[in-house]
């Protein structure tokens, strides 16, 4: 791996952000600075924290930023429940995104565990 862009979890999270933007563009206009903004910022935070962690100097810092990404995924899950309760998304949309969130959460957890088990220097700058 040369950079964070080579990580499958980063690539999938970029795809998720694109899907989140497509879904939230149909939210009511009065939510532009409320729930829409919160959802989009949390979604963007996932790949951004992965990238930032990879750009750090140590495995400890990388792990910290991967945990931030996991927190953002939990935040997104909560916001999607609220969006469904408000009628902004369908049950089907929420279920699709829950699968995405769960897959990413598992991948982040596995990545963290692999870093913790490895005592070799990080393979990227």
Protein backbone atom coordinates (compact mmCIF):
# COMPACT_ATOMS: atom_id res chain seq x y z
CA UNK A 1 0.00 0.00 0.00
CA UNK A 2 1.35 3.38 -0.97
CA UNK A 3 -1.34 5.76 0.35
CA UNK A 4 -4.74 5.79 2.00
CA UNK A 5 -6.26 5.73 -1.52
CA UNK A 6 -5.11 2.12 -1.85
CA UNK A 7 -7.19 1.04 1.16
CA UNK A 8 -10.46 -0.68 0.28
CA UNK A 9 -12.13 0.81 3.36
CA UNK A 10 -11.24 4.32 2.18
CA UNK A 11 -12.53 3.57 -1.34
CA UNK A 12 -15.82 2.18 0.02
CA UNK A 13 -16.27 5.16 2.30
CA UNK A 14 -15.82 7.53 -0.65
CA UNK A 15 -18.57 5.59 -2.45
CA UNK A 16 -20.75 5.88 0.65
CA UNK A 17 -20.33 9.67 0.72
CA UNK A 18 -21.47 9.87 -2.90
CA UNK A 19 -24.57 7.79 -2.06
CA UNK A 20 -25.30 9.89 1.01
CA UNK A 21 -25.18 13.09 -1.05
CA UNK A 22 -27.50 11.59 -3.67
CA UNK A 23 -30.00 10.52 -1.01
CA UNK A 24 -29.93 13.75 1.00
CA UNK A 25 -30.41 16.01 -2.01
CA UNK A 26 -34.09 15.05 -1.79
CA UNK A 27 -34.41 16.13 1.85
CA UNK A 28 -36.61 19.16 2.53
CA UNK A 29 -34.93 22.50 1.88
CA UNK A 30 -35.46 23.57 5.51
CA UNK A 31 -33.11 20.74 6.52
CA UNK A 32 -30.22 22.08 4.41
CA UNK A 33 -28.50 23.55 7.49
CA UNK A 34 -29.86 20.94 9.89
CA UNK A 35 -30.05 17.21 9.38
CA UNK A 36 -28.82 17.28 5.77
CA UNK A 37 -25.67 19.13 6.79
CA UNK A 38 -25.09 16.88 9.81
CA UNK A 39 -25.45 13.70 7.77
CA UNK A 40 -23.15 14.93 5.03
CA UNK A 41 -20.49 16.10 7.47
CA UNK A 42 -20.55 12.79 9.35
CA UNK A 43 -20.29 10.88 6.06
CA UNK A 44 -17.37 13.00 4.85
CA UNK A 45 -15.67 12.49 8.20
CA UNK A 46 -15.30 8.73 7.62
CA UNK A 47 -12.87 8.77 4.66
CA UNK A 48 -11.30 12.03 5.86
CA UNK A 49 -10.28 10.51 9.18
CA UNK A 50 -8.93 7.41 7.46
CA UNK A 51 -6.83 9.63 5.21
CA UNK A 52 -5.65 11.81 8.07
CA UNK A 53 -4.69 8.81 10.18
CA UNK A 54 -2.70 7.34 7.32
CA UNK A 55 -0.84 10.62 6.99
CA UNK A 56 0.19 10.57 10.62
CA UNK A 57 3.51 9.40 11.94
CA UNK A 58 2.58 6.40 14.03
CA UNK A 59 0.34 3.37 14.27
CA UNK A 60 -1.09 4.79 17.51
CA UNK A 61 -2.25 7.93 15.73
CA UNK A 62 -3.63 5.94 12.79
CA UNK A 63 -5.66 3.80 15.17
CA UNK A 64 -6.99 6.91 16.91
CA UNK A 65 -8.25 8.32 13.60
CA UNK A 66 -9.74 4.98 12.59
CA UNK A 67 -11.71 5.09 15.84
CA UNK A 68 -12.89 8.58 14.88
CA UNK A 69 -14.17 7.09 11.61
CA UNK A 70 -16.04 4.45 13.57
CA UNK A 71 -17.60 7.19 15.69
CA UNK A 72 -18.73 8.98 12.55
CA UNK A 73 -20.36 5.78 11.30
CA UNK A 74 -22.28 5.50 14.58
CA UNK A 75 -23.31 9.12 14.21
CA UNK A 76 -24.56 8.42 10.68
CA UNK A 77 -26.58 5.45 11.85
CA UNK A 78 -28.29 7.63 14.45
CA UNK A 79 -29.00 10.36 11.91
CA UNK A 80 -30.50 7.86 9.49
CA UNK A 81 -32.87 6.64 12.21
CA UNK A 82 -33.94 10.25 12.76
CA UNK A 83 -34.33 10.81 9.00
CA UNK A 84 -36.50 7.71 8.71
CA UNK A 85 -38.62 8.75 11.72
CA UNK A 86 -39.17 12.14 10.04
CA UNK A 87 -40.17 10.46 6.78
CA UNK A 88 -37.17 11.74 4.80
CA UNK A 89 -35.94 8.25 3.87
CA UNK A 90 -37.64 4.93 3.41
CA UNK A 91 -37.15 1.84 5.54
CA UNK A 92 -35.47 0.28 2.51
CA UNK A 93 -32.98 3.16 2.17
CA UNK A 94 -32.18 2.97 5.87
CA UNK A 95 -31.61 -0.79 5.64
CA UNK A 96 -29.29 -0.41 2.64
CA UNK A 97 -27.21 2.16 4.49
CA UNK A 98 -27.21 0.10 7.69
CA UNK A 99 -25.57 -2.72 5.72
CA UNK A 100 -22.98 -0.27 4.39
CA UNK A 101 -22.31 1.06 7.90
CA UNK A 102 -21.98 -2.45 9.36
CA UNK A 103 -19.61 -3.55 6.61
CA UNK A 104 -17.42 -0.50 7.09
CA UNK A 105 -17.49 -0.87 10.87
CA UNK A 106 -16.28 -4.48 10.54
CA UNK A 107 -13.55 -3.48 8.08
CA UNK A 108 -12.34 -0.67 10.32
CA UNK A 109 -12.33 -3.00 13.33
CA UNK A 110 -10.34 -5.60 11.41
CA UNK A 111 -7.89 -2.96 10.18
CA UNK A 112 -7.37 -1.68 13.73
CA UNK A 113 -6.77 -5.21 14.99
CA UNK A 114 -4.26 -5.91 12.21
CA UNK A 115 -2.35 -2.72 13.08
CA UNK A 116 -2.34 -3.61 16.78
CA UNK A 117 -0.98 -7.10 16.04
CA UNK A 118 1.67 -5.83 13.66
CA UNK A 119 4.86 -4.52 15.15
CA UNK A 120 6.33 -3.43 11.84
CA UNK A 121 6.57 0.17 10.64
CA UNK A 122 3.61 1.52 8.71
CA UNK A 123 3.83 0.83 4.95
CA UNK A 124 3.01 4.42 3.95
CA UNK A 125 4.31 7.88 4.60
